[in-house]
PDB file of all heavy atoms in Angstrom:
ATOM      1  N   TRP A   1      12.900  -3.776   4.013  1.00  0.00           N
ATOM      2  CA  TRP A   1      12.565  -2.660   4.879  1.00  0.00           C
ATOM      3  C   TRP A   1      13.859  -2.175   5.465  1.00  0.00           C
ATOM      4  O   TRP A   1      14.697  -2.880   5.876  1.00  0.00           O
ATOM      5  CB  TRP A   1      11.687  -3.132   6.071  1.00  0.00           C
ATOM      6  CG  TRP A   1      11.248  -1.984   6.929  1.00  0.00           C
ATOM      7  CD1 TRP A   1      10.086  -1.214   6.824  1.00  0.00           C
ATOM      8  CD2 TRP A   1      11.902  -1.466   8.078  1.00  0.00           C
ATOM      9  NE1 TRP A   1      10.044  -0.296   7.763  1.00  0.00           N
ATOM     10  CE2 TRP A   1      11.150  -0.440   8.560  1.00  0.00           C
ATOM     11  CE3 TRP A   1      13.133  -1.810   8.711  1.00  0.00           C
ATOM     12  CZ2 TRP A   1      11.530   0.324   9.720  1.00  0.00           C
ATOM     13  CZ3 TRP A   1      13.515  -1.017   9.823  1.00  0.00           C
ATOM     14  CH2 TRP A   1      12.718   0.035  10.261  1.00  0.00           C
ATOM     15  N   PRO A   2      14.071  -0.804   5.359  1.00  0.00           N
ATOM     16  CA  PRO A   2      13.150   0.118   4.732  1.00  0.00           C
ATOM     17  C   PRO A   2      13.275   0.081   3.193  1.00  0.00           C
ATOM     18  O   PRO A   2      14.268  -0.431   2.663  1.00  0.00           O
ATOM     19  CB  PRO A   2      13.584   1.492   5.245  1.00  0.00           C
ATOM     20  CG  PRO A   2      15.025   1.295   5.583  1.00  0.00           C
ATOM     21  CD  PRO A   2      15.200  -0.135   6.016  1.00  0.00           C
ATOM     22  N   THR A   3      12.207   0.556   2.567  1.00  0.00           N
ATOM     23  CA  THR A   3      12.147   0.667   1.149  1.00  0.00           C
ATOM     24  C   THR A   3      11.541   2.034   0.776  1.00  0.00           C
ATOM     25  O   THR A   3      11.193   2.815   1.675  1.00  0.00           O
ATOM     26  CB  THR A   3      11.294  -0.467   0.511  1.00  0.00           C
ATOM     27  OG1 THR A   3      11.499  -0.410  -0.924  1.00  0.00           O
ATOM     28  CG2 THR A   3       9.881  -0.444   0.854  1.00  0.00           C
ATOM     29  N   ASN A   4      11.383   2.312  -0.455  1.00  0.00           N
ATOM     30  CA  ASN A   4      10.781   3.592  -0.894  1.00  0.00           C
ATOM     31  C   ASN A   4       9.287   3.573  -0.622  1.00  0.00           C
ATOM     32  O   ASN A   4       8.578   2.736  -1.306  1.00  0.00           O
ATOM     33  CB  ASN A   4      11.058   3.845  -2.390  1.00  0.00           C
ATOM     34  CG  ASN A   4      10.490   5.128  -2.877  1.00  0.00           C
ATOM     35  OD1 ASN A   4       9.964   5.945  -2.140  1.00  0.00           O
ATOM     36  ND2 ASN A   4      10.620   5.365  -4.186  1.00  0.00           N
ATOM     37  N   PRO A   5       8.726   4.349   0.254  1.00  0.00           N
ATOM     38  CA  PRO A   5       7.278   4.288   0.589  1.00  0.00           C
ATOM     39  C   PRO A   5       6.444   5.079  -0.434  1.00  0.00           C
ATOM     40  O   PRO A   5       5.224   4.914  -0.443  1.00  0.00           O
ATOM     41  CB  PRO A   5       7.214   4.963   1.895  1.00  0.00           C
ATOM     42  CG  PRO A   5       8.347   5.934   1.882  1.00  0.00           C
ATOM     43  CD  PRO A   5       9.466   5.322   1.157  1.00  0.00           C
ATOM     44  N   ALA A   6       7.060   5.783  -1.421  1.00  0.00           N
ATOM     45  CA  ALA A   6       6.251   6.648  -2.281  1.00  0.00           C
ATOM     46  C   ALA A   6       5.350   5.857  -3.158  1.00  0.00           C
ATOM     47  O   ALA A   6       4.169   6.195  -3.298  1.00  0.00           O
ATOM     48  CB  ALA A   6       7.175   7.586  -3.067  1.00  0.00           C
ATOM     49  N   PRO A   7       5.776   4.802  -3.811  1.00  0.00           N
ATOM     50  CA  PRO A   7       4.836   4.033  -4.764  1.00  0.00           C
ATOM     51  C   PRO A   7       3.583   3.541  -4.068  1.00  0.00           C
ATOM     52  O   PRO A   7       2.467   3.674  -4.559  1.00  0.00           O
ATOM     53  CB  PRO A   7       5.716   2.882  -5.309  1.00  0.00           C
ATOM     54  CG  PRO A   7       7.134   3.480  -5.217  1.00  0.00           C
ATOM     55  CD  PRO A   7       7.175   4.240  -3.957  1.00  0.00           C
ATOM     56  N   SER A   8       3.767   2.925  -2.878  1.00  0.00           N
ATOM     57  CA  SER A   8       2.603   2.460  -2.188  1.00  0.00           C
ATOM     58  C   SER A   8       1.703   3.585  -1.723  1.00  0.00           C
ATOM     59  O   SER A   8       0.475   3.475  -1.764  1.00  0.00           O
ATOM     60  CB  SER A   8       3.028   1.555  -1.032  1.00  0.00           C
ATOM     61  OG  SER A   8       3.894   2.282  -0.134  1.00  0.00           O
ATOM     62  N   SER A   9       2.319   4.694  -1.318  1.00  0.00           N
ATOM     63  CA  SER A   9       1.539   5.793  -0.794  1.00  0.00           C
ATOM     64  C   SER A   9       0.769   6.492  -1.915  1.00  0.00           C
ATOM     65  O   SER A   9      -0.391   6.885  -1.773  1.00  0.00           O
ATOM     66  CB  SER A   9       2.480   6.841  -0.179  1.00  0.00           C
ATOM     67  OG  SER A   9       3.177   6.306   0.937  1.00  0.00           O
ATOM     68  N   TYR A  10       1.403   6.650  -3.056  1.00  0.00           N
ATOM     69  CA  TYR A  10       0.758   7.224  -4.191  1.00  0.00           C
ATOM     70  C   TYR A  10      -0.444   6.365  -4.663  1.00  0.00           C
ATOM     71  O   TYR A  10      -1.464   6.873  -5.112  1.00  0.00           O
ATOM     72  CB  TYR A  10       1.701   7.323  -5.406  1.00  0.00           C
ATOM     73  CG  TYR A  10       2.863   8.306  -5.258  1.00  0.00           C
ATOM     74  CD1 TYR A  10       3.045   9.084  -4.090  1.00  0.00           C
ATOM     75  CD2 TYR A  10       3.795   8.512  -6.267  1.00  0.00           C
ATOM     76  CE1 TYR A  10       4.110   9.939  -3.901  1.00  0.00           C
ATOM     77  CE2 TYR A  10       4.858   9.381  -6.161  1.00  0.00           C
ATOM     78  CZ  TYR A  10       4.962  10.129  -4.962  1.00  0.00           C
ATOM     79  OH  TYR A  10       6.030  11.016  -4.800  1.00  0.00           O
ATOM     80  N   ALA A  11      -0.270   5.022  -4.563  1.00  0.00           N
ATOM     81  CA  ALA A  11      -1.336   4.155  -4.923  1.00  0.00           C
ATOM     82  C   ALA A  11      -2.552   4.310  -4.040  1.00  0.00           C
ATOM     83  O   ALA A  11      -3.734   4.312  -4.488  1.00  0.00           O
ATOM     84  CB  ALA A  11      -0.880   2.694  -4.926  1.00  0.00           C
ATOM     85  N   ILE A  12      -2.315   4.479  -2.754  1.00  0.00           N
ATOM     86  CA  ILE A  12      -3.421   4.704  -1.783  1.00  0.00           C
ATOM     87  C   ILE A  12      -4.138   6.009  -2.055  1.00  0.00           C
ATOM     88  O   ILE A  12      -5.320   6.065  -2.051  1.00  0.00           O
ATOM     89  CB  ILE A  12      -2.808   4.666  -0.353  1.00  0.00           C
ATOM     90  CG1 ILE A  12      -2.408   3.186   0.023  1.00  0.00           C
ATOM     91  CG2 ILE A  12      -3.904   5.168   0.645  1.00  0.00           C
ATOM     92  CD1 ILE A  12      -1.574   3.126   1.305  1.00  0.00           C
ATOM     93  N   ILE A  13      -3.325   7.053  -2.407  1.00  0.00           N
ATOM     94  CA  ILE A  13      -3.919   8.377  -2.676  1.00  0.00           C
ATOM     95  C   ILE A  13      -4.793   8.248  -3.966  1.00  0.00           C
ATOM     96  O   ILE A  13      -5.915   8.783  -4.032  1.00  0.00           O
ATOM     97  CB  ILE A  13      -2.778   9.361  -2.870  1.00  0.00           C
ATOM     98  CG1 ILE A  13      -2.172   9.637  -1.474  1.00  0.00           C
ATOM     99  CG2 ILE A  13      -3.320  10.646  -3.473  1.00  0.00           C
ATOM    100  CD1 ILE A  13      -0.830  10.326  -1.532  1.00  0.00           C
ATOM    101  N   ALA A  14      -4.252   7.560  -4.980  1.00  0.00           N
ATOM    102  CA  ALA A  14      -5.008   7.434  -6.206  1.00  0.00           C
ATOM    103  C   ALA A  14      -6.262   6.574  -6.040  1.00  0.00           C
ATOM    104  O   ALA A  14      -7.350   6.940  -6.574  1.00  0.00           O
ATOM    105  CB  ALA A  14      -4.122   6.813  -7.276  1.00  0.00           C
ATOM    106  N   ALA A  15      -6.165   5.574  -5.215  1.00  0.00           N
ATOM    107  CA  ALA A  15      -7.271   4.690  -4.935  1.00  0.00           C
ATOM    108  C   ALA A  15      -8.389   5.408  -4.233  1.00  0.00           C
ATOM    109  O   ALA A  15      -9.595   5.280  -4.475  1.00  0.00           O
ATOM    110  CB  ALA A  15      -6.853   3.470  -4.207  1.00  0.00           C
ATOM    111  N   GLN A  16      -7.999   6.242  -3.247  1.00  0.00           N
ATOM    112  CA  GLN A  16      -8.959   7.087  -2.576  1.00  0.00           C
ATOM    113  C   GLN A  16      -9.687   8.018  -3.480  1.00  0.00           C
ATOM    114  O   GLN A  16     -10.935   8.184  -3.345  1.00  0.00           O
ATOM    115  CB  GLN A  16      -8.229   7.897  -1.441  1.00  0.00           C
ATOM    116  CG  GLN A  16      -9.225   8.680  -0.560  1.00  0.00           C
ATOM    117  CD  GLN A  16      -8.595   9.146   0.707  1.00  0.00           C
ATOM    118  OE1 GLN A  16      -9.010   8.762   1.825  1.00  0.00           O
ATOM    119  NE2 GLN A  16      -7.483   9.859   0.651  1.00  0.00           N
ATOM    120  N   GLU A  17      -9.028   8.601  -4.433  1.00  0.00           N
ATOM    121  CA  GLU A  17      -9.647   9.457  -5.405  1.00  0.00           C
ATOM    122  C   GLU A  17     -10.612   8.680  -6.282  1.00  0.00           C
ATOM    123  O   GLU A  17     -11.659   9.137  -6.619  1.00  0.00           O
ATOM    124  CB  GLU A  17      -8.527  10.122  -6.261  1.00  0.00           C
ATOM    125  CG  GLU A  17      -9.083  11.124  -7.254  1.00  0.00           C
ATOM    126  CD  GLU A  17      -9.572  12.417  -6.708  1.00  0.00           C
ATOM    127  OE1 GLU A  17      -9.330  12.684  -5.505  1.00  0.00           O
ATOM    128  OE2 GLU A  17     -10.242  13.126  -7.437  1.00  0.00           O
ATOM    129  N   ALA A  18     -10.188   7.435  -6.646  1.00  0.00           N
ATOM    130  CA  ALA A  18     -11.031   6.600  -7.479  1.00  0.00           C
ATOM    131  C   ALA A  18     -12.318   6.101  -6.788  1.00  0.00           C
ATOM    132  O   ALA A  18     -13.319   5.826  -7.447  1.00  0.00           O
ATOM    133  CB  ALA A  18     -10.243   5.445  -8.017  1.00  0.00           C
ATOM    134  N   GLY A  19     -12.182   5.845  -5.505  1.00  0.00           N
ATOM    135  CA  GLY A  19     -13.286   5.286  -4.695  1.00  0.00           C
ATOM    136  C   GLY A  19     -13.189   3.783  -4.578  1.00  0.00           C
ATOM    137  O   GLY A  19     -12.884   3.139  -5.610  1.00  0.00           O
ATOM    138  N   GLY A  20     -13.414   3.302  -3.435  1.00  0.00           N
ATOM    139  CA  GLY A  20     -13.330   1.821  -3.217  1.00  0.00           C
ATOM    140  C   GLY A  20     -12.832   1.556  -1.824  1.00  0.00           C
ATOM    141  O   GLY A  20     -12.826   2.458  -0.943  1.00  0.00           O
ATOM    142  N   ASN A  21     -12.454   0.350  -1.528  1.00  0.00           N
ATOM    143  CA  ASN A  21     -12.056  -0.139  -0.195  1.00  0.00           C
ATOM    144  C   ASN A  21     -10.565   0.214   0.028  1.00  0.00           C
ATOM    145  O   ASN A  21      -9.724  -0.604  -0.152  1.00  0.00           O
ATOM    146  CB  ASN A  21     -12.293  -1.606  -0.036  1.00  0.00           C
ATOM    147  CG  ASN A  21     -12.165  -2.064   1.403  1.00  0.00           C
ATOM    148  OD1 ASN A  21     -11.498  -1.354   2.220  1.00  0.00           O
ATOM    149  ND2 ASN A  21     -12.788  -3.144   1.755  1.00  0.00           N
ATOM    150  N   VAL A  22     -10.307   1.491   0.404  1.00  0.00           N
ATOM    151  CA  VAL A  22      -8.962   1.938   0.563  1.00  0.00           C
ATOM    152  C   VAL A  22      -8.297   1.273   1.814  1.00  0.00           C
ATOM    153  O   VAL A  22      -7.125   1.035   1.801  1.00  0.00           O
ATOM    154  CB  VAL A  22      -8.934   3.462   0.741  1.00  0.00           C
ATOM    155  CG1 VAL A  22      -7.520   4.046   0.878  1.00  0.00           C
ATOM    156  CG2 VAL A  22      -9.607   4.149  -0.472  1.00  0.00           C
ATOM    157  N   GLY A  23      -9.083   1.005   2.851  1.00  0.00           N
ATOM    158  CA  GLY A  23      -8.535   0.381   3.959  1.00  0.00           C
ATOM    159  C   GLY A  23      -7.962  -1.025   3.624  1.00  0.00           C
ATOM    160  O   GLY A  23      -6.940  -1.393   4.101  1.00  0.00           O
ATOM    161  N   LYS A  24      -8.689  -1.735   2.785  1.00  0.00           N
ATOM    162  CA  LYS A  24      -8.251  -3.068   2.388  1.00  0.00           C
ATOM    163  C   LYS A  24      -6.961  -2.909   1.630  1.00  0.00           C
ATOM    164  O   LYS A  24      -6.024  -3.713   1.808  1.00  0.00           O
ATOM    165  CB  LYS A  24      -9.272  -3.741   1.507  1.00  0.00           C
ATOM    166  CG  LYS A  24      -8.916  -5.157   1.063  1.00  0.00           C
ATOM    167  CD  LYS A  24     -10.068  -5.793   0.237  1.00  0.00           C
ATOM    168  CE  LYS A  24      -9.704  -7.208  -0.188  1.00  0.00           C
ATOM    169  NZ  LYS A  24     -10.773  -7.791  -0.977  1.00  0.00           N
ATOM    170  N   LEU A  25      -6.826  -1.936   0.764  1.00  0.00           N
ATOM    171  CA  LEU A  25      -5.602  -1.711  -0.016  1.00  0.00           C
ATOM    172  C   LEU A  25      -4.445  -1.368   0.914  1.00  0.00           C
ATOM    173  O   LEU A  25      -3.353  -1.967   0.801  1.00  0.00           O
ATOM    174  CB  LEU A  25      -5.805  -0.646  -1.042  1.00  0.00           C
ATOM    175  CG  LEU A  25      -4.514  -0.161  -1.754  1.00  0.00           C
ATOM    176  CD1 LEU A  25      -3.940  -1.313  -2.586  1.00  0.00           C
ATOM    177  CD2 LEU A  25      -4.853   1.030  -2.649  1.00  0.00           C
ATOM    178  N   ALA A  26      -4.627  -0.443   1.813  1.00  0.00           N
ATOM    179  CA  ALA A  26      -3.630  -0.011   2.750  1.00  0.00           C
ATOM    180  C   ALA A  26      -3.066  -1.202   3.525  1.00  0.00           C
ATOM    181  O   ALA A  26      -1.865  -1.421   3.640  1.00  0.00           O
ATOM    182  CB  ALA A  26      -4.057   1.069   3.658  1.00  0.00           C
ATOM    183  N   HIS A  27      -4.022  -2.007   4.020  1.00  0.00           N
ATOM    184  CA  HIS A  27      -3.566  -3.164   4.864  1.00  0.00           C
ATOM    185  C   HIS A  27      -2.841  -4.177   3.949  1.00  0.00           C
ATOM    186  O   HIS A  27      -1.913  -4.819   4.468  1.00  0.00           O
ATOM    187  CB  HIS A  27      -4.730  -3.776   5.613  1.00  0.00           C
ATOM    188  CG  HIS A  27      -4.394  -4.850   6.510  1.00  0.00           C
ATOM    189  ND1 HIS A  27      -3.516  -4.639   7.675  1.00  0.00           N
ATOM    190  CD2 HIS A  27      -4.559  -6.174   6.494  1.00  0.00           C
ATOM    191  CE1 HIS A  27      -3.327  -5.803   8.242  1.00  0.00           C
ATOM    192  NE2 HIS A  27      -3.946  -6.734   7.590  1.00  0.00           N
ATOM    193  N   SER A  28      -3.317  -4.344   2.793  1.00  0.00           N
ATOM    194  CA  SER A  28      -2.715  -5.292   1.904  1.00  0.00           C
ATOM    195  C   SER A  28      -1.261  -4.909   1.620  1.00  0.00           C
ATOM    196  O   SER A  28      -0.348  -5.787   1.592  1.00  0.00           O
ATOM    197  CB  SER A  28      -3.480  -5.387   0.526  1.00  0.00           C
ATOM    198  OG  SER A  28      -2.829  -6.233  -0.355  1.00  0.00           O
ATOM    199  N   LEU A  29      -1.005  -3.653   1.414  1.00  0.00           N
ATOM    200  CA  LEU A  29       0.372  -3.171   1.119  1.00  0.00           C
ATOM    201  C   LEU A  29       1.241  -3.348   2.376  1.00  0.00           C
ATOM    202  O   LEU A  29       2.406  -3.804   2.228  1.00  0.00           O
ATOM    203  CB  LEU A  29       0.303  -1.668   0.688  1.00  0.00           C
ATOM    204  CG  LEU A  29      -0.186  -1.399  -0.716  1.00  0.00           C
ATOM    205  CD1 LEU A  29      -0.653   0.051  -0.872  1.00  0.00           C
ATOM    206  CD2 LEU A  29       0.854  -1.787  -1.744  1.00  0.00           C
ATOM    207  N   MET A  30       0.737  -3.000   3.541  1.00  0.00           N
ATOM    208  CA  MET A  30       1.543  -3.124   4.720  1.00  0.00           C
ATOM    209  C   MET A  30       1.779  -4.583   5.038  1.00  0.00           C
ATOM    210  O   MET A  30       2.844  -4.965   5.534  1.00  0.00           O
ATOM    211  CB  MET A  30       0.915  -2.376   5.861  1.00  0.00           C
ATOM    212  CG  MET A  30       1.043  -0.853   5.706  1.00  0.00           C
ATOM    213  SD  MET A  30       0.393   0.153   7.087  1.00  0.00           S
ATOM    214  CE  MET A  30      -1.355   0.161   6.650  1.00  0.00           C
ATOM    215  N   ARG A  31       0.757  -5.462   4.830  1.00  0.00           N
ATOM    216  CA  ARG A  31       0.954  -6.928   5.048  1.00  0.00           C
ATOM    217  C   ARG A  31       1.997  -7.426   4.128  1.00  0.00           C
ATOM    218  O   ARG A  31       2.873  -8.283   4.475  1.00  0.00           O
ATOM    219  CB  ARG A  31      -0.334  -7.638   4.887  1.00  0.00           C
ATOM    220  CG  ARG A  31      -0.242  -9.135   5.150  1.00  0.00           C
ATOM    221  CD  ARG A  31      -1.577  -9.827   5.056  1.00  0.00           C
ATOM    222  NE  ARG A  31      -2.123  -9.740   3.709  1.00  0.00           N
ATOM    223  CZ  ARG A  31      -3.193  -9.102   3.387  1.00  0.00           C
ATOM    224  NH1 ARG A  31      -3.898  -8.441   4.259  1.00  0.00           N
ATOM    225  NH2 ARG A  31      -3.640  -9.109   2.097  1.00  0.00           N
ATOM    226  N   ALA A  32       2.044  -6.937   2.850  1.00  0.00           N
ATOM    227  CA  ALA A  32       3.062  -7.397   1.852  1.00  0.00           C
ATOM    228  C   ALA A  32       4.417  -7.077   2.379  1.00  0.00           C
ATOM    229  O   ALA A  32       5.333  -7.883   2.267  1.00  0.00           O
ATOM    230  CB  ALA A  32       2.758  -6.691   0.505  1.00  0.00           C
ATOM    231  N   CYS A  33       4.583  -5.908   3.018  1.00  0.00           N
ATOM    232  CA  CYS A  33       5.865  -5.481   3.530  1.00  0.00           C
ATOM    233  C   CYS A  33       6.236  -6.329   4.761  1.00  0.00           C
ATOM    234  O   CYS A  33       7.355  -6.899   4.810  1.00  0.00           O
ATOM    235  CB  CYS A  33       5.862  -3.979   3.860  1.00  0.00           C
ATOM    236  SG  CYS A  33       7.399  -3.391   4.692  1.00  0.00           S
ATOM    237  N   TRP A  34       5.370  -6.365   5.778  1.00  0.00           N
ATOM    238  CA  TRP A  34       5.755  -6.833   7.092  1.00  0.00           C
ATOM    239  C   TRP A  34       5.507  -8.341   7.286  1.00  0.00           C
ATOM    240  O   TRP A  34       6.145  -8.879   8.230  1.00  0.00           O
ATOM    241  CB  TRP A  34       4.917  -6.059   8.114  1.00  0.00           C
ATOM    242  CG  TRP A  34       5.410  -4.693   8.263  1.00  0.00           C
ATOM    243  CD1 TRP A  34       4.941  -3.533   7.710  1.00  0.00           C
ATOM    244  CD2 TRP A  34       6.622  -4.276   8.985  1.00  0.00           C
ATOM    245  NE1 TRP A  34       5.705  -2.458   8.035  1.00  0.00           N
ATOM    246  CE2 TRP A  34       6.769  -2.910   8.808  1.00  0.00           C
ATOM    247  CE3 TRP A  34       7.531  -5.017   9.740  1.00  0.00           C
ATOM    248  CZ2 TRP A  34       7.866  -2.163   9.356  1.00  0.00           C
ATOM    249  CZ3 TRP A  34       8.597  -4.285  10.285  1.00  0.00           C
ATOM    250  CH2 TRP A  34       8.729  -2.893  10.152  1.00  0.00           C
ATOM    251  N   ALA A  35       4.729  -8.971   6.453  1.00  0.00           N
ATOM    252  CA  ALA A  35       4.500 -10.474   6.684  1.00  0.00           C
ATOM    253  C   ALA A  35       4.791 -11.306   5.449  1.00  0.00           C
ATOM    254  O   ALA A  35       5.094 -12.494   5.602  1.00  0.00           O
ATOM    255  CB  ALA A  35       3.069 -10.615   7.007  1.00  0.00           C
ATOM    256  N   GLU A  36       4.842 -10.726   4.236  1.00  0.00           N
ATOM    257  CA  GLU A  36       4.983 -11.491   3.024  1.00  0.00           C
ATOM    258  C   GLU A  36       6.335 -11.296   2.338  1.00  0.00           C
ATOM    259  O   GLU A  36       6.566 -11.898   1.267  1.00  0.00           O
ATOM    260  CB  GLU A  36       3.884 -11.162   2.064  1.00  0.00           C
ATOM    261  CG  GLU A  36       2.491 -11.486   2.640  1.00  0.00           C
ATOM    262  CD  GLU A  36       1.340 -11.034   1.781  1.00  0.00           C
ATOM    263  OE1 GLU A  36       1.571 -10.360   0.764  1.00  0.00           O
ATOM    264  OE2 GLU A  36       0.146 -11.333   2.111  1.00  0.00           O
ATOM    265  N   GLU A  37       7.224 -10.539   2.938  1.00  0.00           N
ATOM    266  CA  GLU A  37       8.643 -10.350   2.399  1.00  0.00           C
ATOM    267  C   GLU A  37       8.597  -9.817   0.938  1.00  0.00           C
ATOM    268  O   GLU A  37       9.318 -10.316   0.087  1.00  0.00           O
ATOM    269  CB  GLU A  37       9.403 -11.686   2.423  1.00  0.00           C
ATOM    270  CG  GLU A  37       9.602 -12.258   3.857  1.00  0.00           C
ATOM    271  CD  GLU A  37      10.698 -11.530   4.641  1.00  0.00           C
ATOM    272  OE1 GLU A  37      11.095 -10.371   4.284  1.00  0.00           O
ATOM    273  OE2 GLU A  37      11.185 -12.109   5.569  1.00  0.00           O
ATOM    274  N   LYS A  38       7.714  -8.835   0.678  1.00  0.00           N
ATOM    275  CA  LYS A  38       7.628  -8.270  -0.604  1.00  0.00           C
ATOM    276  C   LYS A  38       8.051  -6.810  -0.521  1.00  0.00           C
ATOM    277  O   LYS A  38       7.896  -6.110   0.487  1.00  0.00           O
ATOM    278  CB  LYS A  38       6.203  -8.343  -1.159  1.00  0.00           C
ATOM    279  CG  LYS A  38       5.786  -9.770  -1.432  1.00  0.00           C
ATOM    280  CD  LYS A  38       4.334  -9.806  -1.864  1.00  0.00           C
ATOM    281  CE  LYS A  38       3.840 -11.254  -2.119  1.00  0.00           C
ATOM    282  NZ  LYS A  38       2.434 -11.336  -2.413  1.00  0.00           N
ATOM    283  N   ASP A  39       8.566  -6.268  -1.653  1.00  0.00           N
ATOM    284  CA  ASP A  39       9.072  -4.893  -1.725  1.00  0.00           C
ATOM    285  C   ASP A  39       7.981  -3.980  -2.151  1.00  0.00           C
ATOM    286  O   ASP A  39       7.650  -3.962  -3.374  1.00  0.00           O
ATOM    287  CB  ASP A  39      10.266  -4.796  -2.644  1.00  0.00           C
ATOM    288  CG  ASP A  39      10.890  -3.418  -2.755  1.00  0.00           C
ATOM    289  OD1 ASP A  39      10.347  -2.531  -2.041  1.00  0.00           O
ATOM    290  OD2 ASP A  39      11.824  -3.258  -3.483  1.00  0.00           O
ATOM    291  N   ILE A  40       7.383  -3.194  -1.283  1.00  0.00           N
ATOM    292  CA  ILE A  40       6.241  -2.295  -1.699  1.00  0.00           C
ATOM    293  C   ILE A  40       6.786  -1.064  -2.396  1.00  0.00           C
ATOM    294  O   ILE A  40       6.030  -0.145  -2.715  1.00  0.00           O
ATOM    295  CB  ILE A  40       5.361  -1.952  -0.506  1.00  0.00           C
ATOM    296  CG1 ILE A  40       6.127  -1.267   0.629  1.00  0.00           C
ATOM    297  CG2 ILE A  40       4.616  -3.247   0.021  1.00  0.00           C
ATOM    298  CD1 ILE A  40       5.202  -0.710   1.763  1.00  0.00           C
TER     299      ILE A  40
END
């Protein structure tokens, strides 16, 4: 952090278009960044 937010943001946008639990995805991505030491 910071990192490039575009890939994770694009994924959320695509998932919303596809339909499904977008909230779960968004939180998963942010948890990966802020708690799991992963590069989103």
